[in-house]
Amino acid sequence: MKIDISNLSVLFDDQIILDDISCHFPKGKFSCLVGENGSGKSTLLRTLTKDIDKFQGSITDLKSSDYSYIPQNIDDPEFLSVQEVVKLGFYQSKICDQDLTLQSHQLLKRFDIEHLESRRFSEISMGQKQRAWLAFALAQDKKVILMDEPLAAVDLQSRKNFYSILNTVSKENRTLVLVTHDLEIAMEFCEHMVHLHQGAISFEGPPKNFLGL
């Protein structure tokens, strides 16, 4: 599913956060939305999810059935195991308990954390949590996955591993949009990049073409 943004402006208390921006996130690609803190990245994502509903311009109308959303600083589910969190992603699937356990295990195995499935979610590392949340998102089987700064507290090698995983997930005809300030890793792994600077688009296209500000 392609996401289009056209002449989008967002204001808070008469302060311009996004200033007449137009860009797109291509279908079936891993896209990164990059820029410094305060550039409007999270605001754009929250507008796409309808968390912000006052704006000018037009955006692709994403329905809740179209996308999975992993927000920034998501709270740990209390008292749940890693596998129980992933199982929650199947909430709309009509599958028996045996298949539910099998499919959640397979998703965790895909991301090399199946050995943690019985551990309490709050006890695993930040990088492992992000893999589990991605498994949760894939369990929902939606064509668009939106993520807001999921790796801010994760070490460099774990971030690179996670970006590599996202690249493989997009090959399944899923549209991935990741908000990040991690410009160098985004350029290494993503297929499409949108750079925001002070609420305006400063670059859009293949990351290899980005020349900086």
Foldseek 3Di string as FASTA:
>chain_A
DKKWWAQKWDDDPNHTQAGGATDIFDWLFAEEEAEDPSLNLVVVVCVQVVVPVDIDGDIPNDDPLAEAEAEPPDDFDPPAFLLRLLLVLLVVPDDDPVVSSVLSLVQCVVLPNSVRRRPRLVPDDLLSNVSSVVSSRVSNVHQEYEYEASPPPPDDVSVLSVLQVVRVVSNVRHGYYYYDNPLVSSLVRTQWYWYGDNNYTPDTGRSVPDPDD
